[in-house]
Each structure stands twice: as C-alpha cells, then as structure tokens.
Amino acid sequence: MSCGKPHETPCSQVVEQMFAYIDGELGEPDVHLISVHLAECGPCLSEHDVDAMVKKLVQRAGGGEHAPGTLRERILVSITEVRSVRLQTGG
C-alpha cells in the first residue's frame, strides 16, 4: 500500500507498526513519525481507520475481556502475514 509519494517514513513501516500505534505501545519518536505520515498519506490513514474500527469491534464482541497472550500473538502474526502479502501484491 502506498500513495506513490515519498515520505520520511515508508508506508510499509507505518502499516507494520499500525496496531502498536493504535494501542499506544510506541515511543514518542515513532508516534510522531507515524502521525506525520498519516497526515500526508490517504491510503495509510484509511488503513489506520479500518484497523482502529476492527479493534473496537473485537473489544466490543469480547465483552471487554483480554485475549490470552498466546492468542494475541497468533492473531498479530496472521495479520502481519496478510499485510505482507497485500504489500507484495499491491492489494
């Protein structure tokens, strides 16, 4: 995914760190770089909005319960694999 414009932080890096960004798990330098990128890049901003919505839906469906760490890891690995394929195929 890319808008075709050069950015200080590449789209692939932003997409890779999106859930950590949404979850507030990144340090200030990374948060700043991603925030700047999202302000410039429509496709990545759309990805952010979709990921944030999915996270909210999953939380609502789970009744506020937290997934076990192993399940969370498996889900994140699966999401990363799907994103990798999407980036490679341009989809």
PDB file of N, CA and C in Angstrom:
ATOM      1  N   MET A   1       0.843  -1.162   0.000  1.00  0.00           N
ATOM      2  CA  MET A   1       0.000   0.000   0.000  1.00  0.00           C
ATOM      3  C   MET A   1       0.890   1.226   0.000  1.00  0.00           C
ATOM      4  N   SER A   2       0.580   2.155  -0.880  1.00  0.00           N
ATOM      5  CA  SER A   2       1.335   3.396  -0.952  1.00  0.00           C
ATOM      6  C   SER A   2       0.544   4.380  -1.777  1.00  0.00           C
ATOM      7  N   CYS A   3       0.722   5.629  -1.437  1.00  0.00           N
ATOM      8  CA  CYS A   3       0.064   6.670  -2.228  1.00  0.00           C
ATOM      9  C   CYS A   3       0.930   7.069  -3.410  1.00  0.00           C
ATOM     10  N   GLY A   4       2.144   6.493  -3.497  1.00  0.00           N
ATOM     11  CA  GLY A   4       3.046   6.780  -4.592  1.00  0.00           C
ATOM     12  C   GLY A   4       3.938   7.988  -4.355  1.00  0.00           C
ATOM     13  N   LYS A   5       3.787   8.646  -3.211  1.00  0.00           N
ATOM     14  CA  LYS A   5       4.610   9.807  -2.891  1.00  0.00           C
ATOM     15  C   LYS A   5       5.691   9.388  -1.899  1.00  0.00           C
ATOM     16  N   PRO A   6       6.846  10.022  -1.963  1.00  0.00           N
ATOM     17  CA  PRO A   6       7.897   9.705  -0.986  1.00  0.00           C
ATOM     18  C   PRO A   6       7.546  10.303   0.381  1.00  0.00           C
ATOM     19  N   HIS A   7       7.843   9.559   1.424  1.00  0.00           N
ATOM     20  CA  HIS A   7       7.595  10.003   2.796  1.00  0.00           C
ATOM     21  C   HIS A   7       8.840   9.759   3.628  1.00  0.00           C
ATOM     22  N   GLU A   8       8.983  10.528   4.690  1.00  0.00           N
ATOM     23  CA  GLU A   8      10.102  10.313   5.606  1.00  0.00           C
ATOM     24  C   GLU A   8      10.047   8.905   6.182  1.00  0.00           C
ATOM     25  N   THR A   9       8.842   8.447   6.494  1.00  0.00           N
ATOM     26  CA  THR A   9       8.627   7.094   6.996  1.00  0.00           C
ATOM     27  C   THR A   9       7.881   6.316   5.920  1.00  0.00           C
ATOM     28  N   PRO A  10       8.442   5.227   5.404  1.00  0.00           N
ATOM     29  CA  PRO A  10       7.787   4.467   4.332  1.00  0.00           C
ATOM     30  C   PRO A  10       6.439   3.876   4.762  1.00  0.00           C
ATOM     31  N   CYS A  11       5.543   3.764   3.805  1.00  0.00           N
ATOM     32  CA  CYS A  11       4.225   3.179   4.063  1.00  0.00           C
ATOM     33  C   CYS A  11       4.348   1.793   4.703  1.00  0.00           C
ATOM     34  N   SER A  12       5.276   0.983   4.221  1.00  0.00           N
ATOM     35  CA  SER A  12       5.413  -0.376   4.751  1.00  0.00           C
ATOM     36  C   SER A  12       5.736  -0.364   6.243  1.00  0.00           C
ATOM     37  N   GLN A  13       6.552   0.576   6.680  1.00  0.00           N
ATOM     38  CA  GLN A  13       6.888   0.680   8.108  1.00  0.00           C
ATOM     39  C   GLN A  13       5.677   1.130   8.912  1.00  0.00           C
ATOM     40  N   VAL A  14       4.924   2.068   8.371  1.00  0.00           N
ATOM     41  CA  VAL A  14       3.733   2.568   9.065  1.00  0.00           C
ATOM     42  C   VAL A  14       2.714   1.445   9.222  1.00  0.00           C
ATOM     43  N   VAL A  15       2.465   0.714   8.149  1.00  0.00           N
ATOM     44  CA  VAL A  15       1.490  -0.380   8.201  1.00  0.00           C
ATOM     45  C   VAL A  15       1.948  -1.460   9.182  1.00  0.00           C
ATOM     46  N   GLU A  16       3.244  -1.744   9.179  1.00  0.00           N
ATOM     47  CA  GLU A  16       3.788  -2.757  10.081  1.00  0.00           C
ATOM     48  C   GLU A  16       3.600  -2.374  11.547  1.00  0.00           C
ATOM     49  N   GLN A  17       3.651  -1.094  11.850  1.00  0.00           N
ATOM     50  CA  GLN A  17       3.554  -0.629  13.236  1.00  0.00           C
ATOM     51  C   GLN A  17       2.159  -0.126  13.611  1.00  0.00           C
ATOM     52  N   MET A  18       1.191  -0.295  12.719  1.00  0.00           N
ATOM     53  CA  MET A  18      -0.117   0.324  12.919  1.00  0.00           C
ATOM     54  C   MET A  18      -0.807  -0.098  14.220  1.00  0.00           C
ATOM     55  N   PHE A  19      -0.841  -1.400  14.510  1.00  0.00           N
ATOM     56  CA  PHE A  19      -1.543  -1.823  15.723  1.00  0.00           C
ATOM     57  C   PHE A  19      -0.817  -1.354  16.973  1.00  0.00           C
ATOM     58  N   ALA A  20       0.504  -1.348  16.950  1.00  0.00           N
ATOM     59  CA  ALA A  20       1.259  -0.825  18.100  1.00  0.00           C
ATOM     60  C   ALA A  20       0.962   0.666  18.267  1.00  0.00           C
ATOM     61  N   TYR A  21       0.819   1.382  17.170  1.00  0.00           N
ATOM     62  CA  TYR A  21       0.468   2.806  17.204  1.00  0.00           C
ATOM     63  C   TYR A  21      -0.917   2.991  17.802  1.00  0.00           C
ATOM     64  N   ILE A  22      -1.881   2.240  17.307  1.00  0.00           N
ATOM     65  CA  ILE A  22      -3.255   2.342  17.802  1.00  0.00           C
ATOM     66  C   ILE A  22      -3.337   1.969  19.281  1.00  0.00           C
ATOM     67  N   ASP A  23      -2.548   0.974  19.685  1.00  0.00           N
ATOM     68  CA  ASP A  23      -2.570   0.510  21.071  1.00  0.00           C
ATOM     69  C   ASP A  23      -1.751   1.388  22.014  1.00  0.00           C
ATOM     70  N   GLY A  24      -1.086   2.403  21.492  1.00  0.00           N
ATOM     71  CA  GLY A  24      -0.279   3.284  22.333  1.00  0.00           C
ATOM     72  C   GLY A  24       0.989   2.625  22.856  1.00  0.00           C
ATOM     73  N   GLU A  25       1.522   1.687  22.075  1.00  0.00           N
ATOM     74  CA  GLU A  25       2.683   0.914  22.510  1.00  0.00           C
ATOM     75  C   GLU A  25       4.001   1.434  21.941  1.00  0.00           C
ATOM     76  N   LEU A  26       3.973   2.548  21.204  1.00  0.00           N
ATOM     77  CA  LEU A  26       5.193   3.078  20.602  1.00  0.00           C
ATOM     78  C   LEU A  26       5.720   4.256  21.409  1.00  0.00           C
ATOM     79  N   GLY A  27       7.008   4.464  21.303  1.00  0.00           N
ATOM     80  CA  GLY A  27       7.627   5.625  21.930  1.00  0.00           C
ATOM     81  C   GLY A  27       7.327   6.888  21.144  1.00  0.00           C
ATOM     82  N   GLU A  28       7.589   8.030  21.755  1.00  0.00           N
ATOM     83  CA  GLU A  28       7.266   9.321  21.153  1.00  0.00           C
ATOM     84  C   GLU A  28       7.870   9.530  19.767  1.00  0.00           C
ATOM     85  N   PRO A  29       9.128   9.175  19.525  1.00  0.00           N
ATOM     86  CA  PRO A  29       9.653   9.409  18.158  1.00  0.00           C
ATOM     87  C   PRO A  29       8.850   8.666  17.090  1.00  0.00           C
ATOM     88  N   ASP A  30       8.513   7.404  17.353  1.00  0.00           N
ATOM     89  CA  ASP A  30       7.742   6.624  16.377  1.00  0.00           C
ATOM     90  C   ASP A  30       6.323   7.160  16.236  1.00  0.00           C
ATOM     91  N   VAL A  31       5.713   7.561  17.341  1.00  0.00           N
ATOM     92  CA  VAL A  31       4.356   8.122  17.296  1.00  0.00           C
ATOM     93  C   VAL A  31       4.356   9.373  16.419  1.00  0.00           C
ATOM     94  N   HIS A  32       5.351  10.215  16.599  1.00  0.00           N
ATOM     95  CA  HIS A  32       5.430  11.443  15.799  1.00  0.00           C
ATOM     96  C   HIS A  32       5.587  11.127  14.307  1.00  0.00           C
ATOM     97  N   LEU A  33       6.516  10.218  13.991  1.00  0.00           N
ATOM     98  CA  LEU A  33       6.750   9.875  12.586  1.00  0.00           C
ATOM     99  C   LEU A  33       5.493   9.311  11.927  1.00  0.00           C
ATOM    100  N   ILE A  34       4.781   8.439  12.648  1.00  0.00           N
ATOM    101  CA  ILE A  34       3.571   7.839  12.081  1.00  0.00           C
ATOM    102  C   ILE A  34       2.465   8.875  11.965  1.00  0.00           C
ATOM    103  N   SER A  35       2.332   9.749  12.966  1.00  0.00           N
ATOM    104  CA  SER A  35       1.308  10.805  12.898  1.00  0.00           C
ATOM    105  C   SER A  35       1.527  11.714  11.700  1.00  0.00           C
ATOM    106  N   VAL A  36       2.781  12.101  11.477  1.00  0.00           N
ATOM    107  CA  VAL A  36       3.109  12.938  10.315  1.00  0.00           C
ATOM    108  C   VAL A  36       2.772  12.198   9.025  1.00  0.00           C
ATOM    109  N   HIS A  37       3.146  10.930   8.967  1.00  0.00           N
ATOM    110  CA  HIS A  37       2.872  10.131   7.766  1.00  0.00           C
ATOM    111  C   HIS A  37       1.368  10.036   7.509  1.00  0.00           C
ATOM    112  N   LEU A  38       0.597   9.761   8.549  1.00  0.00           N
ATOM    113  CA  LEU A  38      -0.857   9.625   8.382  1.00  0.00           C
ATOM    114  C   LEU A  38      -1.495  10.925   7.903  1.00  0.00           C
ATOM    115  N   ALA A  39      -0.924  12.058   8.302  1.00  0.00           N
ATOM    116  CA  ALA A  39      -1.449  13.351   7.858  1.00  0.00           C
ATOM    117  C   ALA A  39      -1.177  13.579   6.368  1.00  0.00           C
ATOM    118  N   GLU A  40      -0.160  12.888   5.829  1.00  0.00           N
ATOM    119  CA  GLU A  40       0.228  13.068   4.423  1.00  0.00           C
ATOM    120  C   GLU A  40      -0.279  11.982   3.490  1.00  0.00           C
ATOM    121  N   CYS A  41      -0.640  10.816   4.029  1.00  0.00           N
ATOM    122  CA  CYS A  41      -0.876   9.643   3.192  1.00  0.00           C
ATOM    123  C   CYS A  41      -2.299   9.102   3.389  1.00  0.00           C
ATOM    124  N   GLY A  42      -3.131   9.350   2.415  1.00  0.00           N
ATOM    125  CA  GLY A  42      -4.521   8.904   2.479  1.00  0.00           C
ATOM    126  C   GLY A  42      -4.690   7.400   2.603  1.00  0.00           C
ATOM    127  N   PRO A  43      -3.967   6.581   1.814  1.00  0.00           N
ATOM    128  CA  PRO A  43      -4.135   5.137   1.940  1.00  0.00           C
ATOM    129  C   PRO A  43      -3.762   4.606   3.335  1.00  0.00           C
ATOM    130  N   CYS A  44      -2.703   5.129   3.908  1.00  0.00           N
ATOM    131  CA  CYS A  44      -2.321   4.668   5.252  1.00  0.00           C
ATOM    132  C   CYS A  44      -3.316   5.157   6.302  1.00  0.00           C
ATOM    133  N   LEU A  45      -3.842   6.366   6.116  1.00  0.00           N
ATOM    134  CA  LEU A  45      -4.861   6.866   7.040  1.00  0.00           C
ATOM    135  C   LEU A  45      -6.103   5.985   6.974  1.00  0.00           C
ATOM    136  N   SER A  46      -6.478   5.562   5.776  1.00  0.00           N
ATOM    137  CA  SER A  46      -7.619   4.650   5.623  1.00  0.00           C
ATOM    138  C   SER A  46      -7.350   3.328   6.327  1.00  0.00           C
ATOM    139  N   GLU A  47      -6.121   2.805   6.180  1.00  0.00           N
ATOM    140  CA  GLU A  47      -5.740   1.563   6.860  1.00  0.00           C
ATOM    141  C   GLU A  47      -5.837   1.741   8.369  1.00  0.00           C
ATOM    142  N   HIS A  48      -5.386   2.884   8.865  1.00  0.00           N
ATOM    143  CA  HIS A  48      -5.474   3.189  10.297  1.00  0.00           C
ATOM    144  C   HIS A  48      -6.925   3.158  10.757  1.00  0.00           C
ATOM    145  N   ASP A  49      -7.796   3.828  10.006  1.00  0.00           N
ATOM    146  CA  ASP A  49      -9.205   3.893  10.381  1.00  0.00           C
ATOM    147  C   ASP A  49      -9.843   2.506  10.407  1.00  0.00           C
ATOM    148  N   VAL A  50      -9.533   1.678   9.417  1.00  0.00           N
ATOM    149  CA  VAL A  50     -10.069   0.309   9.372  1.00  0.00           C
ATOM    150  C   VAL A  50      -9.536  -0.498  10.550  1.00  0.00           C
ATOM    151  N   ASP A  51      -8.241  -0.419  10.807  1.00  0.00           N
ATOM    152  CA  ASP A  51      -7.644  -1.178  11.913  1.00  0.00           C
ATOM    153  C   ASP A  51      -8.221  -0.743  13.260  1.00  0.00           C
ATOM    154  N   ALA A  52      -8.408   0.564  13.435  1.00  0.00           N
ATOM    155  CA  ALA A  52      -8.982   1.061  14.686  1.00  0.00           C
ATOM    156  C   ALA A  52     -10.420   0.571  14.856  1.00  0.00           C
ATOM    157  N   MET A  53     -11.181   0.542  13.756  1.00  0.00           N
ATOM    158  CA  MET A  53     -12.560   0.066  13.822  1.00  0.00           C
ATOM    159  C   MET A  53     -12.603  -1.432  14.148  1.00  0.00           C
ATOM    160  N   VAL A  54     -11.741  -2.204  13.518  1.00  0.00           N
ATOM    161  CA  VAL A  54     -11.676  -3.642  13.789  1.00  0.00           C
ATOM    162  C   VAL A  54     -11.341  -3.875  15.261  1.00  0.00           C
ATOM    163  N   LYS A  55     -10.389  -3.134  15.784  1.00  0.00           N
ATOM    164  CA  LYS A  55     -10.008  -3.269  17.190  1.00  0.00           C
ATOM    165  C   LYS A  55     -11.200  -2.984  18.109  1.00  0.00           C
ATOM    166  N   LYS A  56     -11.944  -1.921  17.815  1.00  0.00           N
ATOM    167  CA  LYS A  56     -13.117  -1.578  18.627  1.00  0.00           C
ATOM    168  C   LYS A  56     -14.182  -2.667  18.542  1.00  0.00           C
ATOM    169  N   LEU A  57     -14.406  -3.206  17.336  1.00  0.00           N
ATOM    170  CA  LEU A  57     -15.407  -4.263  17.175  1.00  0.00           C
ATOM    171  C   LEU A  57     -15.015  -5.526  17.931  1.00  0.00           C
ATOM    172  N   VAL A  58     -13.731  -5.873  17.874  1.00  0.00           N
ATOM    173  CA  VAL A  58     -13.260  -7.054  18.587  1.00  0.00           C
ATOM    174  C   VAL A  58     -13.400  -6.850  20.091  1.00  0.00           C
ATOM    175  N   GLN A  59     -13.065  -5.670  20.577  1.00  0.00           N
ATOM    176  CA  GLN A  59     -13.206  -5.388  22.005  1.00  0.00           C
ATOM    177  C   GLN A  59     -14.666  -5.471  22.431  1.00  0.00           C
ATOM    178  N   ARG A  60     -15.547  -4.904  21.621  1.00  0.00           N
ATOM    179  CA  ARG A  60     -16.967  -4.924  21.955  1.00  0.00           C
ATOM    180  C   ARG A  60     -17.517  -6.354  21.956  1.00  0.00           C
ATOM    181  N   ALA A  61     -17.103  -7.145  20.967  1.00  0.00           N
ATOM    182  CA  ALA A  61     -17.579  -8.523  20.863  1.00  0.00           C
ATOM    183  C   ALA A  61     -17.040  -9.381  21.994  1.00  0.00           C
ATOM    184  N   GLY A  62     -15.862  -9.038  22.496  1.00  0.00           N
ATOM    185  CA  GLY A  62     -15.253  -9.811  23.569  1.00  0.00           C
ATOM    186  C   GLY A  62     -15.747  -9.407  24.942  1.00  0.00           C
ATOM    187  N   GLY A  63     -16.623  -8.414  25.023  1.00  0.00           N
ATOM    188  CA  GLY A  63     -17.162  -8.003  26.306  1.00  0.00           C
ATOM    189  C   GLY A  63     -16.114  -7.394  27.225  1.00  0.00           C
ATOM    190  N   GLY A  64     -15.049  -6.843  26.659  1.00  0.00           N
ATOM    191  CA  GLY A  64     -14.024  -6.209  27.466  1.00  0.00           C
ATOM    192  C   GLY A  64     -12.982  -7.161  28.005  1.00  0.00           C
ATOM    193  N   GLU A  65     -13.135  -8.452  27.718  1.00  0.00           N
ATOM    194  CA  GLU A  65     -12.143  -9.416  28.180  1.00  0.00           C
ATOM    195  C   GLU A  65     -10.904  -9.323  27.303  1.00  0.00           C
ATOM    196  N   HIS A  66      -9.747  -9.593  27.904  1.00  0.00           N
ATOM    197  CA  HIS A  66      -8.498  -9.574  27.157  1.00  0.00           C
ATOM    198  C   HIS A  66      -8.162 -10.986  26.698  1.00  0.00           C
ATOM    199  N   ALA A  67      -7.700 -11.074  25.475  1.00  0.00           N
ATOM    200  CA  ALA A  67      -7.296 -12.374  24.930  1.00  0.00           C
ATOM    201  C   ALA A  67      -6.015 -12.832  25.622  1.00  0.00           C
ATOM    202  N   PRO A  68      -5.861 -14.135  25.791  1.00  0.00           N
ATOM    203  CA  PRO A  68      -4.592 -14.639  26.330  1.00  0.00           C
ATOM    204  C   PRO A  68      -3.440 -14.212  25.429  1.00  0.00           C
ATOM    205  N   GLY A  69      -2.261 -14.031  26.007  1.00  0.00           N
ATOM    206  CA  GLY A  69      -1.106 -13.563  25.268  1.00  0.00           C
ATOM    207  C   GLY A  69      -0.783 -14.395  24.048  1.00  0.00           C
ATOM    208  N   THR A  70      -0.926 -15.718  24.166  1.00  0.00           N
ATOM    209  CA  THR A  70      -0.605 -16.589  23.025  1.00  0.00           C
ATOM    210  C   THR A  70      -1.580 -16.370  21.867  1.00  0.00           C
ATOM    211  N   LEU A  71      -2.844 -16.171  22.175  1.00  0.00           N
ATOM    212  CA  LEU A  71      -3.839 -15.904  21.129  1.00  0.00           C
ATOM    213  C   LEU A  71      -3.550 -14.560  20.467  1.00  0.00           C
ATOM    214  N   ARG A  72      -3.251 -13.575  21.267  1.00  0.00           N
ATOM    215  CA  ARG A  72      -2.939 -12.248  20.735  1.00  0.00           C
ATOM    216  C   ARG A  72      -1.749 -12.341  19.774  1.00  0.00           C
ATOM    217  N   GLU A  73      -0.725 -13.074  20.161  1.00  0.00           N
ATOM    218  CA  GLU A  73       0.455 -13.237  19.308  1.00  0.00           C
ATOM    219  C   GLU A  73       0.095 -13.925  17.987  1.00  0.00           C
ATOM    220  N   ARG A  74      -0.716 -14.987  18.051  1.00  0.00           N
ATOM    221  CA  ARG A  74      -1.109 -15.699  16.827  1.00  0.00           C
ATOM    222  C   ARG A  74      -1.893 -14.782  15.894  1.00  0.00           C
ATOM    223  N   ILE A  75      -2.772 -13.972  16.468  1.00  0.00           N
ATOM    224  CA  ILE A  75      -3.567 -13.044  15.658  1.00  0.00           C
ATOM    225  C   ILE A  75      -2.664 -12.009  15.010  1.00  0.00           C
ATOM    226  N   LEU A  76      -1.735 -11.459  15.778  1.00  0.00           N
ATOM    227  CA  LEU A  76      -0.825 -10.456  15.220  1.00  0.00           C
ATOM    228  C   LEU A  76       0.057 -11.038  14.123  1.00  0.00           C
ATOM    229  N   VAL A  77       0.510 -12.270  14.294  1.00  0.00           N
ATOM    230  CA  VAL A  77       1.309 -12.927  13.256  1.00  0.00           C
ATOM    231  C   VAL A  77       0.468 -13.098  11.989  1.00  0.00           C
ATOM    232  N   SER A  78      -0.768 -13.520  12.144  1.00  0.00           N
ATOM    233  CA  SER A  78      -1.649 -13.702  10.981  1.00  0.00           C
ATOM    234  C   SER A  78      -1.895 -12.382  10.263  1.00  0.00           C
ATOM    235  N   ILE A  79      -2.142 -11.321  11.022  1.00  0.00           N
ATOM    236  CA  ILE A  79      -2.374 -10.005  10.418  1.00  0.00           C
ATOM    237  C   ILE A  79      -1.129  -9.547   9.671  1.00  0.00           C
ATOM    238  N   THR A  80       0.031  -9.746  10.272  1.00  0.00           N
ATOM    239  CA  THR A  80       1.293  -9.352   9.640  1.00  0.00           C
ATOM    240  C   THR A  80       1.503 -10.115   8.340  1.00  0.00           C
ATOM    241  N   GLU A  81       1.192 -11.409   8.339  1.00  0.00           N
ATOM    242  CA  GLU A  81       1.349 -12.210   7.126  1.00  0.00           C
ATOM    243  C   GLU A  81       0.420 -11.722   6.022  1.00  0.00           C
ATOM    244  N   VAL A  82      -0.826 -11.424   6.367  1.00  0.00           N
ATOM    245  CA  VAL A  82      -1.787 -10.929   5.379  1.00  0.00           C
ATOM    246  C   VAL A  82      -1.332  -9.589   4.817  1.00  0.00           C
ATOM    247  N   ARG A  83      -0.860  -8.700   5.696  1.00  0.00           N
ATOM    248  CA  ARG A  83      -0.385  -7.395   5.242  1.00  0.00           C
ATOM    249  C   ARG A  83       0.813  -7.556   4.314  1.00  0.00           C
ATOM    250  N   SER A  84       1.706  -8.460   4.664  1.00  0.00           N
ATOM    251  CA  SER A  84       2.889  -8.686   3.842  1.00  0.00           C
ATOM    252  C   SER A  84       2.498  -9.107   2.442  1.00  0.00           C
ATOM    253  N   VAL A  85       1.537 -10.027   2.351  1.00  0.00           N
ATOM    254  CA  VAL A  85       1.062 -10.482   1.041  1.00  0.00           C
ATOM    255  C   VAL A  85       0.409  -9.314   0.297  1.00  0.00           C
ATOM    256  N   ARG A  86      -0.387  -8.503   0.999  1.00  0.00           N
ATOM    257  CA  ARG A  86      -1.042  -7.361   0.359  1.00  0.00           C
ATOM    258  C   ARG A  86      -0.010  -6.368  -0.172  1.00  0.00           C
ATOM    259  N   LEU A  87       1.035  -6.110   0.606  1.00  0.00           N
ATOM    260  CA  LEU A  87       2.055  -5.170   0.161  1.00  0.00           C
ATOM    261  C   LEU A  87       2.800  -5.705  -1.056  1.00  0.00           C
ATOM    262  N   GLN A  88       3.067  -7.019  -1.067  1.00  0.00           N
ATOM    263  CA  GLN A  88       3.794  -7.627  -2.178  1.00  0.00           C
ATOM    264  C   GLN A  88       2.974  -7.646  -3.452  1.00  0.00           C
ATOM    265  N   THR A  89       1.657  -7.810  -3.309  1.00  0.00           N
ATOM    266  CA  THR A  89       0.791  -7.887  -4.486  1.00  0.00           C
ATOM    267  C   THR A  89       0.200  -6.539  -4.859  1.00  0.00           C
ATOM    268  N   GLY A  90       0.430  -5.540  -3.996  1.00  0.00           N
ATOM    269  CA  GLY A  90      -0.107  -4.202  -4.287  1.00  0.00           C
ATOM    270  C   GLY A  90      -1.577  -4.100  -4.021  1.00  0.00           C
ATOM    271  N   GLY A  91      -2.121  -5.060  -3.244  1.00  0.00           N
ATOM    272  CA  GLY A  91      -3.571  -5.053  -2.989  1.00  0.00           C
ATOM    273  C   GLY A  91      -3.980  -4.481  -1.736  1.00  0.00           C
TER     274      GLY A  91
END
